[in-house]
Amino acid sequence: MSMFDKLQQLKELKKMRDDAMAMQRTLDAETVEVEKRGVSVKITLAQRVVSVDVNGKSDDDVVEAMNEAIKESQKEAAKKMQQMGGFDSLKGMLGGN
């Protein structure tokens, strides 16, 4: 692999990272709110909990714990996907090259 190929690969990786970050910001800007039996949960499309209200009372500790749990589950899911062949095997299953 030539130096040019390596630089091109780095540029592509940076673009992919920048695109992923832009997508994350877009998903984090929109929210969904669900209310069930006096409990209201507001969460972004990026799965970040914004608020939890129980019978009209907010609980920031619950929000923080939920966000930490989501983050940890995403890390574990990423590890599991990598063990299972990652995105390359997914592309293969979907007919990509």
PDB file of N, CA and C in Angstrom:
ATOM      1  N   MET A   1       0.851  -1.179   0.000  1.00  0.00           N
ATOM      2  CA  MET A   1       0.000   0.000   0.000  1.00  0.00           C
ATOM      3  C   MET A   1       0.897   1.243   0.000  1.00  0.00           C
ATOM      4  N   SER A   2       0.661   2.109  -0.956  1.00  0.00           N
ATOM      5  CA  SER A   2       1.499   3.306  -1.073  1.00  0.00           C
ATOM      6  C   SER A   2       1.072   4.360  -0.053  1.00  0.00           C
ATOM      7  N   MET A   3       1.935   5.351   0.109  1.00  0.00           N
ATOM      8  CA  MET A   3       1.652   6.461   1.033  1.00  0.00           C
ATOM      9  C   MET A   3       0.371   7.179   0.610  1.00  0.00           C
ATOM     10  N   PHE A   4       0.188   7.327  -0.713  1.00  0.00           N
ATOM     11  CA  PHE A   4      -1.022   7.979  -1.223  1.00  0.00           C
ATOM     12  C   PHE A   4      -2.266   7.197  -0.835  1.00  0.00           C
ATOM     13  N   ASP A   5      -2.189   5.852  -0.962  1.00  0.00           N
ATOM     14  CA  ASP A   5      -3.328   5.003  -0.593  1.00  0.00           C
ATOM     15  C   ASP A   5      -3.659   5.153   0.885  1.00  0.00           C
ATOM     16  N   LYS A   6      -2.618   5.211   1.716  1.00  0.00           N
ATOM     17  CA  LYS A   6      -2.836   5.369   3.159  1.00  0.00           C
ATOM     18  C   LYS A   6      -3.479   6.712   3.473  1.00  0.00           C
ATOM     19  N   LEU A   7      -3.010   7.774   2.808  1.00  0.00           N
ATOM     20  CA  LEU A   7      -3.603   9.099   3.023  1.00  0.00           C
ATOM     21  C   LEU A   7      -5.054   9.124   2.557  1.00  0.00           C
ATOM     22  N   GLN A   8      -5.307   8.490   1.423  1.00  0.00           N
ATOM     23  CA  GLN A   8      -6.680   8.427   0.910  1.00  0.00           C
ATOM     24  C   GLN A   8      -7.583   7.683   1.886  1.00  0.00           C
ATOM     25  N   GLN A   9      -7.065   6.597   2.458  1.00  0.00           N
ATOM     26  CA  GLN A   9      -7.826   5.808   3.418  1.00  0.00           C
ATOM     27  C   GLN A   9      -8.123   6.637   4.675  1.00  0.00           C
ATOM     28  N   LEU A  10      -7.132   7.414   5.131  1.00  0.00           N
ATOM     29  CA  LEU A  10      -7.346   8.284   6.295  1.00  0.00           C
ATOM     30  C   LEU A  10      -8.408   9.339   6.009  1.00  0.00           C
ATOM     31  N   LYS A  11      -8.377   9.908   4.795  1.00  0.00           N
ATOM     32  CA  LYS A  11      -9.385  10.899   4.414  1.00  0.00           C
ATOM     33  C   LYS A  11     -10.781  10.283   4.434  1.00  0.00           C
ATOM     34  N   GLU A  12     -10.878   9.043   3.909  1.00  0.00           N
ATOM     35  CA  GLU A  12     -12.167   8.360   3.885  1.00  0.00           C
ATOM     36  C   GLU A  12     -12.664   8.074   5.299  1.00  0.00           C
ATOM     37  N   LEU A  13     -11.757   7.654   6.182  1.00  0.00           N
ATOM     38  CA  LEU A  13     -12.131   7.389   7.573  1.00  0.00           C
ATOM     39  C   LEU A  13     -12.605   8.661   8.260  1.00  0.00           C
ATOM     40  N   LYS A  14     -11.909   9.770   8.018  1.00  0.00           N
ATOM     41  CA  LYS A  14     -12.304  11.048   8.623  1.00  0.00           C
ATOM     42  C   LYS A  14     -13.689  11.460   8.120  1.00  0.00           C
ATOM     43  N   LYS A  15     -13.932  11.286   6.815  1.00  0.00           N
ATOM     44  CA  LYS A  15     -15.241  11.641   6.271  1.00  0.00           C
ATOM     45  C   LYS A  15     -16.335  10.778   6.889  1.00  0.00           C
ATOM     46  N   MET A  16     -16.068   9.470   7.026  1.00  0.00           N
ATOM     47  CA  MET A  16     -17.053   8.580   7.638  1.00  0.00           C
ATOM     48  C   MET A  16     -17.333   9.007   9.080  1.00  0.00           C
ATOM     49  N   ARG A  17     -16.266   9.361   9.811  1.00  0.00           N
ATOM     50  CA  ARG A  17     -16.422   9.800  11.208  1.00  0.00           C
ATOM     51  C   ARG A  17     -17.229  11.094  11.261  1.00  0.00           C
ATOM     52  N   ASP A  18     -16.886  12.042  10.390  1.00  0.00           N
ATOM     53  CA  ASP A  18     -17.615  13.318  10.353  1.00  0.00           C
ATOM     54  C   ASP A  18     -19.086  13.101  10.012  1.00  0.00           C
ATOM     55  N   ASP A  19     -19.354  12.209   9.037  1.00  0.00           N
ATOM     56  CA  ASP A  19     -20.737  11.900   8.659  1.00  0.00           C
ATOM     57  C   ASP A  19     -21.491  11.270   9.828  1.00  0.00           C
ATOM     58  N   ALA A  20     -20.828  10.354  10.536  1.00  0.00           N
ATOM     59  CA  ALA A  20     -21.462   9.692  11.682  1.00  0.00           C
ATOM     60  C   ALA A  20     -21.768  10.700  12.786  1.00  0.00           C
ATOM     61  N   MET A  21     -20.845  11.629  13.025  1.00  0.00           N
ATOM     62  CA  MET A  21     -21.077  12.640  14.058  1.00  0.00           C
ATOM     63  C   MET A  21     -22.228  13.570  13.668  1.00  0.00           C
ATOM     64  N   ALA A  22     -22.309  13.924  12.402  1.00  0.00           N
ATOM     65  CA  ALA A  22     -23.409  14.775  11.927  1.00  0.00           C
ATOM     66  C   ALA A  22     -24.745  14.048  12.090  1.00  0.00           C
ATOM     67  N   MET A  23     -24.754  12.753  11.767  1.00  0.00           N
ATOM     68  CA  MET A  23     -25.966  11.971  11.923  1.00  0.00           C
ATOM     69  C   MET A  23     -26.366  11.901  13.400  1.00  0.00           C
ATOM     70  N   GLN A  24     -25.379  11.706  14.265  1.00  0.00           N
ATOM     71  CA  GLN A  24     -25.635  11.647  15.710  1.00  0.00           C
ATOM     72  C   GLN A  24     -26.247  12.958  16.205  1.00  0.00           C
ATOM     73  N   ARG A  25     -25.696  14.098  15.750  1.00  0.00           N
ATOM     74  CA  ARG A  25     -26.238  15.406  16.155  1.00  0.00           C
ATOM     75  C   ARG A  25     -27.674  15.568  15.671  1.00  0.00           C
ATOM     76  N   THR A  26     -27.949  15.130  14.447  1.00  0.00           N
ATOM     77  CA  THR A  26     -29.299  15.221  13.894  1.00  0.00           C
ATOM     78  C   THR A  26     -30.272  14.381  14.722  1.00  0.00           C
ATOM     79  N   LEU A  27     -29.864  13.157  15.039  1.00  0.00           N
ATOM     80  CA  LEU A  27     -30.725  12.274  15.834  1.00  0.00           C
ATOM     81  C   LEU A  27     -30.908  12.808  17.256  1.00  0.00           C
ATOM     82  N   ASP A  28     -29.881  13.451  17.781  1.00  0.00           N
ATOM     83  CA  ASP A  28     -29.957  13.966  19.142  1.00  0.00           C
ATOM     84  C   ASP A  28     -30.820  15.224  19.240  1.00  0.00           C
ATOM     85  N   ALA A  29     -31.090  15.861  18.098  1.00  0.00           N
ATOM     86  CA  ALA A  29     -31.878  17.099  18.092  1.00  0.00           C
ATOM     87  C   ALA A  29     -33.384  16.831  18.127  1.00  0.00           C
ATOM     88  N   GLU A  30     -33.802  15.613  17.798  1.00  0.00           N
ATOM     89  CA  GLU A  30     -35.230  15.285  17.779  1.00  0.00           C
ATOM     90  C   GLU A  30     -35.573  14.363  18.941  1.00  0.00           C
ATOM     91  N   THR A  31     -36.759  14.548  19.485  1.00  0.00           N
ATOM     92  CA  THR A  31     -37.160  13.753  20.649  1.00  0.00           C
ATOM     93  C   THR A  31     -38.503  13.067  20.430  1.00  0.00           C
ATOM     94  N   VAL A  32     -38.712  12.040  21.242  1.00  0.00           N
ATOM     95  CA  VAL A  32     -39.981  11.321  21.314  1.00  0.00           C
ATOM     96  C   VAL A  32     -40.378  11.336  22.781  1.00  0.00           C
ATOM     97  N   GLU A  33     -41.649  11.549  23.041  1.00  0.00           N
ATOM     98  CA  GLU A  33     -42.124  11.546  24.423  1.00  0.00           C
ATOM     99  C   GLU A  33     -43.244  10.520  24.557  1.00  0.00           C
ATOM    100  N   VAL A  34     -43.138   9.688  25.591  1.00  0.00           N
ATOM    101  CA  VAL A  34     -44.134   8.659  25.849  1.00  0.00           C
ATOM    102  C   VAL A  34     -44.639   8.834  27.272  1.00  0.00           C
ATOM    103  N   GLU A  35     -45.949   8.698  27.430  1.00  0.00           N
ATOM    104  CA  GLU A  35     -46.540   8.810  28.761  1.00  0.00           C
ATOM    105  C   GLU A  35     -47.396   7.574  29.024  1.00  0.00           C
ATOM    106  N   LYS A  36     -47.139   6.922  30.141  1.00  0.00           N
ATOM    107  CA  LYS A  36     -47.899   5.736  30.552  1.00  0.00           C
ATOM    108  C   LYS A  36     -48.140   5.801  32.057  1.00  0.00           C
ATOM    109  N   ARG A  37     -49.373   5.738  32.446  1.00  0.00           N
ATOM    110  CA  ARG A  37     -49.760   5.651  33.861  1.00  0.00           C
ATOM    111  C   ARG A  37     -49.013   6.631  34.769  1.00  0.00           C
ATOM    112  N   GLY A  38     -48.959   7.891  34.360  1.00  0.00           N
ATOM    113  CA  GLY A  38     -48.344   8.918  35.199  1.00  0.00           C
ATOM    114  C   GLY A  38     -46.841   9.050  35.054  1.00  0.00           C
ATOM    115  N   VAL A  39     -46.225   8.222  34.207  1.00  0.00           N
ATOM    116  CA  VAL A  39     -44.780   8.305  33.973  1.00  0.00           C
ATOM    117  C   VAL A  39     -44.558   8.836  32.557  1.00  0.00           C
ATOM    118  N   SER A  40     -43.782   9.913  32.459  1.00  0.00           N
ATOM    119  CA  SER A  40     -43.482  10.511  31.167  1.00  0.00           C
ATOM    120  C   SER A  40     -41.981  10.407  30.923  1.00  0.00           C
ATOM    121  N   VAL A  41     -41.604   9.871  29.754  1.00  0.00           N
ATOM    122  CA  VAL A  41     -40.197   9.732  29.385  1.00  0.00           C
ATOM    123  C   VAL A  41     -39.983  10.449  28.058  1.00  0.00           C
ATOM    124  N   LYS A  42     -38.973  11.310  28.033  1.00  0.00           N
ATOM    125  CA  LYS A  42     -38.614  12.016  26.808  1.00  0.00           C
ATOM    126  C   LYS A  42     -37.205  11.563  26.432  1.00  0.00           C
ATOM    127  N   ILE A  43     -37.041  11.085  25.174  1.00  0.00           N
ATOM    128  CA  ILE A  43     -35.777  10.518  24.730  1.00  0.00           C
ATOM    129  C   ILE A  43     -35.487  11.008  23.314  1.00  0.00           C
ATOM    130  N   THR A  44     -34.206  11.226  23.006  1.00  0.00           N
ATOM    131  CA  THR A  44     -33.843  11.642  21.652  1.00  0.00           C
ATOM    132  C   THR A  44     -33.831  10.429  20.734  1.00  0.00           C
ATOM    133  N   LEU A  45     -33.827  10.691  19.440  1.00  0.00           N
ATOM    134  CA  LEU A  45     -33.744   9.600  18.470  1.00  0.00           C
ATOM    135  C   LEU A  45     -32.376   8.914  18.532  1.00  0.00           C
ATOM    136  N   ALA A  46     -31.407   9.545  19.220  1.00  0.00           N
ATOM    137  CA  ALA A  46     -30.084   8.938  19.433  1.00  0.00           C
ATOM    138  C   ALA A  46     -30.071   8.115  20.712  1.00  0.00           C
ATOM    139  N   GLN A  47     -31.226   7.907  21.299  1.00  0.00           N
ATOM    140  CA  GLN A  47     -31.419   7.098  22.510  1.00  0.00           C
ATOM    141  C   GLN A  47     -30.794   7.725  23.754  1.00  0.00           C
ATOM    142  N   ARG A  48     -30.790   9.052  23.832  1.00  0.00           N
ATOM    143  CA  ARG A  48     -30.339   9.747  25.043  1.00  0.00           C
ATOM    144  C   ARG A  48     -31.584  10.223  25.780  1.00  0.00           C
ATOM    145  N   VAL A  49     -31.709   9.796  27.031  1.00  0.00           N
ATOM    146  CA  VAL A  49     -32.873  10.173  27.830  1.00  0.00           C
ATOM    147  C   VAL A  49     -32.739  11.649  28.219  1.00  0.00           C
ATOM    148  N   VAL A  50     -33.773  12.419  27.914  1.00  0.00           N
ATOM    149  CA  VAL A  50     -33.788  13.843  28.233  1.00  0.00           C
ATOM    150  C   VAL A  50     -34.445  14.075  29.591  1.00  0.00           C
ATOM    151  N   SER A  51     -35.582  13.416  29.816  1.00  0.00           N
ATOM    152  CA  SER A  51     -36.269  13.601  31.085  1.00  0.00           C
ATOM    153  C   SER A  51     -37.137  12.398  31.434  1.00  0.00           C
ATOM    154  N   VAL A  52     -37.313  12.218  32.741  1.00  0.00           N
ATOM    155  CA  VAL A  52     -38.232  11.216  33.279  1.00  0.00           C
ATOM    156  C   VAL A  52     -39.032  11.920  34.359  1.00  0.00           C
ATOM    157  N   ASP A  53     -40.336  11.950  34.195  1.00  0.00           N
ATOM    158  CA  ASP A  53     -41.213  12.560  35.194  1.00  0.00           C
ATOM    159  C   ASP A  53     -42.186  11.493  35.687  1.00  0.00           C
ATOM    160  N   VAL A  54     -42.264  11.367  37.005  1.00  0.00           N
ATOM    161  CA  VAL A  54     -43.186  10.429  37.617  1.00  0.00           C
ATOM    162  C   VAL A  54     -44.208  11.249  38.390  1.00  0.00           C
ATOM    163  N   ASN A  55     -45.455  11.172  37.957  1.00  0.00           N
ATOM    164  CA  ASN A  55     -46.533  11.950  38.573  1.00  0.00           C
ATOM    165  C   ASN A  55     -46.151  13.420  38.717  1.00  0.00           C
ATOM    166  N   GLY A  56     -45.539  13.980  37.634  1.00  0.00           N
ATOM    167  CA  GLY A  56     -45.206  15.396  37.608  1.00  0.00           C
ATOM    168  C   GLY A  56     -43.903  15.767  38.286  1.00  0.00           C
ATOM    169  N   LYS A  57     -43.182  14.813  38.861  1.00  0.00           N
ATOM    170  CA  LYS A  57     -41.911  15.101  39.539  1.00  0.00           C
ATOM    171  C   LYS A  57     -40.760  14.540  38.709  1.00  0.00           C
ATOM    172  N   SER A  58     -39.759  15.404  38.444  1.00  0.00           N
ATOM    173  CA  SER A  58     -38.590  15.004  37.655  1.00  0.00           C
ATOM    174  C   SER A  58     -37.577  14.279  38.537  1.00  0.00           C
ATOM    175  N   ASP A  59     -36.849  13.328  37.950  1.00  0.00           N
ATOM    176  CA  ASP A  59     -35.824  12.601  38.696  1.00  0.00           C
ATOM    177  C   ASP A  59     -34.556  12.516  37.851  1.00  0.00           C
ATOM    178  N   ASP A  60     -33.626  13.468  38.066  1.00  0.00           N
ATOM    179  CA  ASP A  60     -32.398  13.529  37.288  1.00  0.00           C
ATOM    180  C   ASP A  60     -31.497  12.320  37.518  1.00  0.00           C
ATOM    181  N   ASP A  61     -31.528  11.714  38.711  1.00  0.00           N
ATOM    182  CA  ASP A  61     -30.717  10.525  38.971  1.00  0.00           C
ATOM    183  C   ASP A  61     -31.151   9.366  38.078  1.00  0.00           C
ATOM    184  N   VAL A  62     -32.454   9.224  37.867  1.00  0.00           N
ATOM    185  CA  VAL A  62     -32.973   8.166  37.000  1.00  0.00           C
ATOM    186  C   VAL A  62     -32.522   8.423  35.559  1.00  0.00           C
ATOM    187  N   VAL A  63     -32.586   9.680  35.109  1.00  0.00           N
ATOM    188  CA  VAL A  63     -32.160  10.042  33.757  1.00  0.00           C
ATOM    189  C   VAL A  63     -30.687   9.680  33.570  1.00  0.00           C
ATOM    190  N   GLU A  64     -29.851  10.055  34.530  1.00  0.00           N
ATOM    191  CA  GLU A  64     -28.418   9.778  34.439  1.00  0.00           C
ATOM    192  C   GLU A  64     -28.148   8.267  34.395  1.00  0.00           C
ATOM    193  N   ALA A  65     -28.820   7.512  35.245  1.00  0.00           N
ATOM    194  CA  ALA A  65     -28.632   6.061  35.275  1.00  0.00           C
ATOM    195  C   ALA A  65     -29.093   5.414  33.972  1.00  0.00           C
ATOM    196  N   MET A  66     -30.210   5.878  33.425  1.00  0.00           N
ATOM    197  CA  MET A  66     -30.719   5.320  32.174  1.00  0.00           C
ATOM    198  C   MET A  66     -29.763   5.606  31.021  1.00  0.00           C
ATOM    199  N   ASN A  67     -29.238   6.825  30.962  1.00  0.00           N
ATOM    200  CA  ASN A  67     -28.295   7.171  29.902  1.00  0.00           C
ATOM    201  C   ASN A  67     -27.024   6.331  30.005  1.00  0.00           C
ATOM    202  N   GLU A  68     -26.541   6.102  31.215  1.00  0.00           N
ATOM    203  CA  GLU A  68     -25.350   5.267  31.412  1.00  0.00           C
ATOM    204  C   GLU A  68     -25.637   3.826  30.978  1.00  0.00           C
ATOM    205  N   ALA A  69     -26.808   3.312  31.314  1.00  0.00           N
ATOM    206  CA  ALA A  69     -27.180   1.949  30.923  1.00  0.00           C
ATOM    207  C   ALA A  69     -27.268   1.826  29.403  1.00  0.00           C
ATOM    208  N   ILE A  70     -27.837   2.813  28.742  1.00  0.00           N
ATOM    209  CA  ILE A  70     -27.940   2.792  27.280  1.00  0.00           C
ATOM    210  C   ILE A  70     -26.545   2.814  26.662  1.00  0.00           C
ATOM    211  N   LYS A  71     -25.672   3.679  27.177  1.00  0.00           N
ATOM    212  CA  LYS A  71     -24.311   3.779  26.659  1.00  0.00           C
ATOM    213  C   LYS A  71     -23.571   2.450  26.799  1.00  0.00           C
ATOM    214  N   GLU A  72     -23.686   1.812  27.962  1.00  0.00           N
ATOM    215  CA  GLU A  72     -23.018   0.530  28.190  1.00  0.00           C
ATOM    216  C   GLU A  72     -23.589  -0.558  27.280  1.00  0.00           C
ATOM    217  N   SER A  73     -24.916  -0.553  27.099  1.00  0.00           N
ATOM    218  CA  SER A  73     -25.518  -1.574  26.230  1.00  0.00           C
ATOM    219  C   SER A  73     -25.054  -1.380  24.790  1.00  0.00           C
ATOM    220  N   GLN A  74     -24.876  -0.134  24.351  1.00  0.00           N
ATOM    221  CA  GLN A  74     -24.400   0.127  22.997  1.00  0.00           C
ATOM    222  C   GLN A  74     -22.953  -0.348  22.825  1.00  0.00           C
ATOM    223  N   LYS A  75     -22.123  -0.155  23.853  1.00  0.00           N
ATOM    224  CA  LYS A  75     -20.734  -0.635  23.802  1.00  0.00           C
ATOM    225  C   LYS A  75     -20.702  -2.152  23.679  1.00  0.00           C
ATOM    226  N   GLU A  76     -21.515  -2.823  24.491  1.00  0.00           N
ATOM    227  CA  GLU A  76     -21.548  -4.285  24.454  1.00  0.00           C
ATOM    228  C   GLU A  76     -22.091  -4.790  23.121  1.00  0.00           C
ATOM    229  N   ALA A  77     -23.095  -4.098  22.576  1.00  0.00           N
ATOM    230  CA  ALA A  77     -23.651  -4.488  21.278  1.00  0.00           C
ATOM    231  C   ALA A  77     -22.598  -4.330  20.185  1.00  0.00           C
ATOM    232  N   ALA A  78     -21.811  -3.260  20.250  1.00  0.00           N
ATOM    233  CA  ALA A  78     -20.747  -3.037  19.266  1.00  0.00           C
ATOM    234  C   ALA A  78     -19.701  -4.150  19.350  1.00  0.00           C
ATOM    235  N   LYS A  79     -19.328  -4.537  20.577  1.00  0.00           N
ATOM    236  CA  LYS A  79     -18.369  -5.632  20.753  1.00  0.00           C
ATOM    237  C   LYS A  79     -18.921  -6.922  20.158  1.00  0.00           C
ATOM    238  N   LYS A  80     -20.181  -7.207  20.447  1.00  0.00           N
ATOM    239  CA  LYS A  80     -20.810  -8.438  19.970  1.00  0.00           C
ATOM    240  C   LYS A  80     -20.868  -8.440  18.441  1.00  0.00           C
ATOM    241  N   MET A  81     -21.230  -7.303  17.845  1.00  0.00           N
ATOM    242  CA  MET A  81     -21.287  -7.212  16.387  1.00  0.00           C
ATOM    243  C   MET A  81     -19.908  -7.436  15.779  1.00  0.00           C
ATOM    244  N   GLN A  82     -18.872  -6.886  16.427  1.00  0.00           N
ATOM    245  CA  GLN A  82     -17.512  -7.056  15.929  1.00  0.00           C
ATOM    246  C   GLN A  82     -17.108  -8.533  15.985  1.00  0.00           C
ATOM    247  N   GLN A  83     -17.468  -9.215  17.077  1.00  0.00           N
ATOM    248  CA  GLN A  83     -17.169 -10.642  17.209  1.00  0.00           C
ATOM    249  C   GLN A  83     -17.893 -11.459  16.141  1.00  0.00           C
ATOM    250  N   MET A  84     -19.056 -10.991  15.753  1.00  0.00           N
ATOM    251  CA  MET A  84     -19.865 -11.725  14.782  1.00  0.00           C
ATOM    252  C   MET A  84     -19.502 -11.360  13.335  1.00  0.00           C
ATOM    253  N   GLY A  85     -18.449 -10.584  13.153  1.00  0.00           N
ATOM    254  CA  GLY A  85     -18.013 -10.234  11.803  1.00  0.00           C
ATOM    255  C   GLY A  85     -18.267  -8.792  11.449  1.00  0.00           C
ATOM    256  N   GLY A  86     -18.864  -8.048  12.362  1.00  0.00           N
ATOM    257  CA  GLY A  86     -19.059  -6.610  12.159  1.00  0.00           C
ATOM    258  C   GLY A  86     -19.911  -6.273  10.964  1.00  0.00           C
ATOM    259  N   PHE A  87     -19.672  -5.085  10.436  1.00  0.00           N
ATOM    260  CA  PHE A  87     -20.482  -4.575   9.342  1.00  0.00           C
ATOM    261  C   PHE A  87     -20.178  -5.268   8.025  1.00  0.00           C
ATOM    262  N   ASP A  88     -18.965  -5.839   7.897  1.00  0.00           N
ATOM    263  CA  ASP A  88     -18.636  -6.535   6.658  1.00  0.00           C
ATOM    264  C   ASP A  88     -19.555  -7.721   6.433  1.00  0.00           C
ATOM    265  N   SER A  89     -19.826  -8.491   7.493  1.00  0.00           N
ATOM    266  CA  SER A  89     -20.718  -9.633   7.331  1.00  0.00           C
ATOM    267  C   SER A  89     -22.144  -9.169   7.086  1.00  0.00           C
ATOM    268  N   LEU A  90     -22.521  -8.035   7.667  1.00  0.00           N
ATOM    269  CA  LEU A  90     -23.853  -7.474   7.437  1.00  0.00           C
ATOM    270  C   LEU A  90     -24.000  -7.068   5.974  1.00  0.00           C
ATOM    271  N   LYS A  91     -22.966  -6.432   5.414  1.00  0.00           N
ATOM    272  CA  LYS A  91     -22.997  -6.062   4.004  1.00  0.00           C
ATOM    273  C   LYS A  91     -23.176  -7.296   3.135  1.00  0.00           C
ATOM    274  N   GLY A  92     -22.461  -8.368   3.488  1.00  0.00           N
ATOM    275  CA  GLY A  92     -22.560  -9.608   2.726  1.00  0.00           C
ATOM    276  C   GLY A  92     -23.975 -10.174   2.753  1.00  0.00           C
ATOM    277  N   MET A  93     -24.600 -10.106   3.937  1.00  0.00           N
ATOM    278  CA  MET A  93     -25.961 -10.629   4.064  1.00  0.00           C
ATOM    279  C   MET A  93     -26.956  -9.795   3.257  1.00  0.00           C
ATOM    280  N   LEU A  94     -26.654  -8.501   3.110  1.00  0.00           N
ATOM    281  CA  LEU A  94     -27.572  -7.615   2.400  1.00  0.00           C
ATOM    282  C   LEU A  94     -27.248  -7.541   0.911  1.00  0.00           C
ATOM    283  N   GLY A  95     -26.254  -8.340   0.470  1.00  0.00           N
ATOM    284  CA  GLY A  95     -25.927  -8.382  -0.954  1.00  0.00           C
ATOM    285  C   GLY A  95     -24.905  -7.355  -1.361  1.00  0.00           C
ATOM    286  N   GLY A  96     -24.266  -6.674  -0.401  1.00  0.00           N
ATOM    287  CA  GLY A  96     -23.230  -5.687  -0.750  1.00  0.00           C
ATOM    288  C   GLY A  96     -21.913  -6.364  -1.020  1.00  0.00           C
ATOM    289  N   ASN A  97     -20.962  -5.604  -1.515  1.00  0.00           N
ATOM    290  CA  ASN A  97     -19.635  -6.159  -1.814  1.00  0.00           C
ATOM    291  C   ASN A  97     -18.678  -5.898  -0.698  1.00  0.00           C
TER     292      ASN A  97
END
